[in-house]
Amino acid sequence: MHPPASPPETPLPGKRGFLKGLLGLGAAATVIPIHAEAAGLNGQPPRRPGMAGKRYGMVVDMRKCIGCQSCTVSCSMENLPPIGQFRTTVLQYEVKPDDGPAAMVMLPRLCNHCDNPPCVPVCPVQATFQREDGIVLVDNERCVGCAYCVQACPYDARFINHETQTADKCTFCEHRLEAGLLPACVESCVGGARVIGDLNDPDSAISRLLAEHKDEVKVLKPEMKTDPHVYYIGLPDAFVHQVDGQAGVRLAGAH
């Protein structure tokens, strides 16, 4: 006798099937915004294979950033997002202390490749995922462009690509890292403000830098408990909790 055949696995829906299912919910369906605070309710799915034994992170030393946007240009040349959309950029903010004149601050922004990324569990088709080396990526063949992950990201680091109609963002140039190269933004930084490396290696440049400046290191929106792995040195307190928006959208003031 032969054992009974196991029922076939039900594959995840493709783009067309998923969108058709959404439309079938009816015109009366209500769209519920996805907030980053609630995004972790589903739990983080298992991480997918990456570069074994590594955990990548980036340090941005704002004392060295001159706002030249070479990182923005080189990223665009390397990854070819649509014109007017950027995976990384340097935003200009005006900071006006209560007891002094206003000053302009250059703040590099990109995906934070969080250890607890809220963008991952909200994806209905598992297109957004995290690798074992901490890099968060998007499977554009699976993504249906629902933008749940865009809403869930507390750092405004994601967007829907105008050309592919799928989620897009910084990938730490994982294709370059796997080839032993630096990400385009790091390689092109005029002031050497960006440092990327393996946080699991205590002798790596990034680990030594974080240890040397441990009392000065800050992250954006720590209250979100995403454990971001993009660290800032020289970040004014005014930006820690209240930085929102893409380039040119909002100014942050110190009060």
Protein backbone atom coordinates (compact mmCIF):
# COMPACT_ATOMS: atom_id res chain seq x y z
CA MET A 1 0.00 0.00 0.00
CA HIS A 2 1.12 3.47 -0.72
CA PRO A 3 0.77 6.24 1.87
CA PRO A 4 -1.89 8.82 1.04
CA ALA A 5 -0.62 11.70 -1.01
CA SER A 6 -0.11 14.95 0.83
CA PRO A 7 -2.34 17.79 -0.29
CA PRO A 8 -0.53 20.20 -2.60
CA GLU A 9 0.77 23.40 -1.05
CA THR A 10 -1.18 26.50 -1.91
CA PRO A 11 1.19 28.98 -3.55
CA LEU A 12 1.16 32.62 -2.55
CA PRO A 13 -0.83 34.71 -5.03
CA GLY A 14 0.95 36.48 -7.81
CA LYS A 15 0.52 40.18 -8.48
CA ARG A 16 -2.53 39.80 -10.69
CA GLY A 17 -4.25 37.29 -8.41
CA PHE A 18 -3.61 39.31 -5.30
CA LEU A 19 -4.89 42.55 -6.81
CA LYS A 20 -7.94 40.73 -8.15
CA GLY A 21 -8.62 39.46 -4.66
CA LEU A 22 -8.39 42.97 -3.26
CA LEU A 23 -10.85 44.25 -5.84
CA GLY A 24 -13.20 41.41 -4.96
CA LEU A 25 -13.58 42.72 -1.43
CA GLY A 26 -16.11 45.19 -2.76
CA ALA A 27 -16.35 48.92 -3.11
CA ALA A 28 -17.56 49.31 0.48
CA ALA A 29 -14.30 48.01 1.97
CA THR A 30 -12.47 50.45 4.23
CA VAL A 31 -8.76 51.11 3.82
CA ILE A 32 -7.08 50.90 7.21
CA PRO A 33 -3.78 52.79 7.55
CA ILE A 34 -0.81 50.72 8.71
CA HIS A 35 1.05 52.38 11.57
CA ALA A 36 4.60 51.41 12.48
CA GLU A 37 3.67 51.01 16.16
CA ALA A 38 1.33 48.16 15.28
CA ALA A 39 3.37 46.66 12.49
CA GLY A 40 5.14 44.20 14.76
CA LEU A 41 1.92 42.51 15.88
CA ASN A 42 2.28 39.83 13.23
CA GLY A 43 5.76 38.93 14.41
CA GLN A 44 8.92 38.79 12.32
CA PRO A 45 9.08 35.89 9.84
CA PRO A 46 12.27 33.81 9.62
CA ARG A 47 15.19 35.56 7.98
CA ARG A 48 16.41 34.38 4.61
CA PRO A 49 20.01 33.40 3.82
CA GLY A 50 22.56 36.17 3.48
CA MET A 51 26.29 36.51 3.99
CA ALA A 52 26.92 33.98 6.72
CA GLY A 53 28.07 35.25 10.09
CA LYS A 54 27.82 38.94 9.22
CA ARG A 55 25.56 41.73 10.44
CA TYR A 56 25.88 44.87 8.37
CA GLY A 57 25.36 48.37 9.69
CA MET A 58 26.34 51.90 8.73
CA VAL A 59 27.69 54.87 10.64
CA VAL A 60 27.00 58.38 9.36
CA ASP A 61 29.38 60.95 10.82
CA MET A 62 27.51 64.21 10.42
CA ARG A 63 30.59 66.17 11.39
CA LYS A 64 32.11 65.15 8.05
CA CYS A 65 29.06 65.52 5.80
CA ILE A 66 29.24 68.63 3.61
CA GLY A 67 25.88 68.14 1.89
CA CYS A 68 27.41 67.69 -1.56
CA GLN A 69 24.86 65.01 -2.56
CA SER A 70 27.54 62.85 -4.20
CA CYS A 71 26.01 59.92 -2.31
CA THR A 72 22.62 60.67 -3.84
CA VAL A 73 24.04 60.93 -7.35
CA SER A 74 26.20 57.81 -7.12
CA CYS A 75 23.32 55.79 -5.67
CA SER A 76 21.07 56.86 -8.52
CA MET A 77 23.72 55.96 -11.10
CA GLU A 78 24.28 52.56 -9.48
CA ASN A 79 20.68 51.55 -8.83
CA LEU A 80 18.78 53.58 -11.47
CA PRO A 81 15.61 54.60 -9.61
CA PRO A 82 13.19 56.78 -11.61
CA ILE A 83 14.03 60.45 -12.05
CA GLY A 84 12.92 62.35 -8.96
CA GLN A 85 12.98 59.30 -6.67
CA PHE A 86 15.93 58.48 -4.44
CA ARG A 87 17.08 55.60 -2.28
CA THR A 88 19.29 57.89 -0.24
CA THR A 89 19.65 61.62 -0.03
CA VAL A 90 20.97 64.38 2.19
CA LEU A 91 18.18 66.55 3.55
CA GLN A 92 18.75 70.12 4.64
CA TYR A 93 17.10 71.27 7.85
CA GLU A 94 17.02 74.55 9.66
CA VAL A 95 17.70 74.35 13.37
CA LYS A 96 16.89 77.42 15.44
CA PRO A 97 17.89 77.21 19.09
CA ASP A 98 16.03 79.39 21.58
CA ASP A 99 19.21 81.26 22.46
CA GLY A 100 20.97 81.67 19.14
CA PRO A 101 20.77 82.16 15.39
CA ALA A 102 19.42 79.52 13.01
CA ALA A 103 21.84 77.01 11.52
CA MET A 104 21.55 74.64 8.58
CA VAL A 105 22.16 70.96 9.24
CA MET A 106 22.76 68.30 6.57
CA LEU A 107 21.16 64.99 7.46
CA PRO A 108 21.82 61.90 5.30
CA ARG A 109 18.76 59.64 5.12
CA LEU A 110 18.36 56.03 3.98
CA CYS A 111 16.80 52.72 4.98
CA ASN A 112 17.92 51.87 8.52
CA HIS A 113 17.97 48.07 7.95
CA CYS A 114 16.41 47.63 11.38
CA ASP A 115 16.86 44.52 13.46
CA ASN A 116 13.10 44.57 14.05
CA PRO A 117 11.90 45.99 10.71
CA PRO A 118 8.20 46.96 10.82
CA CYS A 119 8.05 46.83 7.01
CA VAL A 120 8.56 43.05 6.89
CA PRO A 121 5.59 41.54 8.78
CA VAL A 122 3.01 43.83 7.14
CA CYS A 123 3.79 42.61 3.61
CA PRO A 124 0.84 40.42 2.54
CA VAL A 125 2.88 38.48 -0.03
CA GLN A 126 6.25 38.28 1.78
CA ALA A 127 7.93 40.41 -0.84
CA THR A 128 9.77 42.44 1.78
CA PHE A 129 12.18 40.30 3.76
CA GLN A 130 15.29 40.43 5.91
CA ARG A 131 18.40 38.36 5.41
CA GLU A 132 20.46 36.75 8.13
CA ASP A 133 23.09 39.48 7.66
CA GLY A 134 20.48 42.11 8.56
CA ILE A 135 19.98 43.56 5.10
CA VAL A 136 16.31 44.26 4.30
CA LEU A 137 15.35 43.71 0.66
CA VAL A 138 12.32 43.69 -1.66
CA ASP A 139 11.49 40.87 -4.07
CA ASN A 140 10.16 42.95 -6.96
CA GLU A 141 8.86 39.85 -8.75
CA ARG A 142 6.54 39.19 -5.82
CA CYS A 143 5.70 42.75 -4.70
CA VAL A 144 2.16 43.89 -5.60
CA GLY A 145 2.73 47.58 -4.85
CA CYS A 146 0.18 47.77 -2.02
CA ALA A 147 2.45 50.22 -0.12
CA TYR A 148 1.76 48.69 3.30
CA CYS A 149 5.52 48.61 3.90
CA VAL A 150 5.83 52.26 2.84
CA GLN A 151 3.28 53.23 5.47
CA ALA A 152 4.88 51.04 8.12
CA CYS A 153 8.39 52.50 7.79
CA PRO A 154 8.89 55.19 10.45
CA TYR A 155 11.85 56.67 8.58
CA ASP A 156 10.19 57.58 5.27
CA ALA A 157 12.82 55.41 3.62
CA ARG A 158 10.54 53.55 1.18
CA PHE A 159 8.61 54.56 -1.89
CA ILE A 160 6.63 53.00 -4.72
CA ASN A 161 8.83 53.05 -7.79
CA HIS A 162 7.02 55.01 -10.52
CA GLU A 163 8.29 52.70 -13.24
CA THR A 164 8.00 49.24 -11.67
CA GLN A 165 5.02 50.05 -9.40
CA THR A 166 6.73 48.05 -6.66
CA ALA A 167 8.35 49.02 -3.36
CA ASP A 168 11.85 50.46 -3.60
CA LYS A 169 14.50 51.56 -1.10
CA CYS A 170 18.17 51.43 -0.13
CA THR A 171 19.62 47.92 -0.15
CA PHE A 172 23.09 48.77 1.27
CA CYS A 173 24.09 47.90 -2.34
CA GLU A 174 24.12 44.25 -1.30
CA HIS A 175 25.24 43.26 -4.80
CA ARG A 176 28.40 45.30 -4.31
CA LEU A 177 29.00 44.01 -0.77
CA GLU A 178 28.77 40.43 -2.05
CA ALA A 179 31.45 41.29 -4.63
CA GLY A 180 33.74 42.75 -1.95
CA LEU A 181 32.98 46.37 -2.89
CA LEU A 182 31.61 49.28 -0.89
CA PRO A 183 28.11 50.63 -1.48
CA ALA A 184 28.07 53.42 -4.06
CA CYS A 185 27.20 56.07 -1.45
CA VAL A 186 30.09 55.06 0.81
CA GLU A 187 32.62 54.88 -2.00
CA SER A 188 31.69 58.32 -3.35
CA CYS A 189 31.40 60.21 -0.05
CA VAL A 190 33.76 63.18 -0.35
CA GLY A 191 34.18 63.69 3.38
CA GLY A 192 34.28 60.02 4.38
CA ALA A 193 31.11 60.52 6.41
CA ARG A 194 29.68 57.05 5.70
CA VAL A 195 31.23 53.88 7.08
CA ILE A 196 29.71 50.44 6.51
CA GLY A 197 30.87 47.14 7.90
CA ASP A 198 30.28 43.96 9.85
CA LEU A 199 29.03 44.67 13.36
CA ASN A 200 29.77 41.07 14.35
CA ASP A 201 33.49 41.70 13.81
CA PRO A 202 34.91 43.68 16.77
CA ASP A 203 37.94 44.63 14.68
CA SER A 204 35.97 46.06 11.74
CA ALA A 205 36.18 49.79 11.10
CA ILE A 206 32.54 50.31 12.01
CA SER A 207 32.84 48.40 15.30
CA ARG A 208 35.93 50.41 16.30
CA LEU A 209 34.21 53.67 15.36
CA LEU A 210 31.11 52.84 17.41
CA ALA A 211 33.24 51.85 20.40
CA GLU A 212 35.31 55.01 20.17
CA HIS A 213 32.24 57.26 20.06
CA LYS A 214 29.80 55.16 22.10
CA ASP A 215 28.64 58.17 24.14
CA GLU A 216 27.92 60.20 21.01
CA VAL A 217 26.15 57.59 18.87
CA LYS A 218 22.43 58.14 18.25
CA VAL A 219 19.72 56.61 16.08
CA LEU A 220 16.53 58.05 14.64
CA LYS A 221 13.27 57.43 16.51
CA PRO A 222 14.54 54.99 19.15
CA GLU A 223 11.07 55.01 20.73
CA MET A 224 9.79 52.95 17.78
CA LYS A 225 11.88 50.01 19.07
CA THR A 226 12.92 48.99 15.55
CA ASP A 227 16.60 48.75 16.57
CA PRO A 228 17.87 50.66 13.52
CA HIS A 229 21.35 49.77 12.29
CA VAL A 230 22.19 53.13 10.77
CA TYR A 231 23.97 55.09 13.49
CA TYR A 232 24.71 58.80 13.61
CA ILE A 233 27.60 60.66 15.19
CA GLY A 234 27.01 64.37 15.73
CA LEU A 235 23.23 64.12 15.39
CA PRO A 236 21.51 67.07 17.14
CA ASP A 237 18.88 66.06 19.69
CA ALA A 238 16.28 67.98 17.66
CA PHE A 239 16.33 65.23 15.03
CA VAL A 240 16.23 62.12 17.18
CA HIS A 241 12.45 61.91 17.56
CA GLN A 242 10.86 64.25 15.03
CA VAL A 243 12.42 63.80 11.60
CA ASP A 244 9.75 63.06 9.01
CA GLY A 245 9.28 63.54 5.31
CA GLN A 246 11.31 63.29 2.15
CA ALA A 247 13.62 65.94 0.72
CA GLY A 248 12.36 69.48 1.04
CA VAL A 249 9.15 68.49 2.84
CA ARG A 250 9.77 69.60 6.39
CA LEU A 251 12.12 71.64 8.53
CA ALA A 252 12.93 70.57 12.06
CA GLY A 253 13.60 73.12 14.76
CA ALA A 254 15.26 72.73 18.14
CA HIS A 255 13.11 73.99 20.99
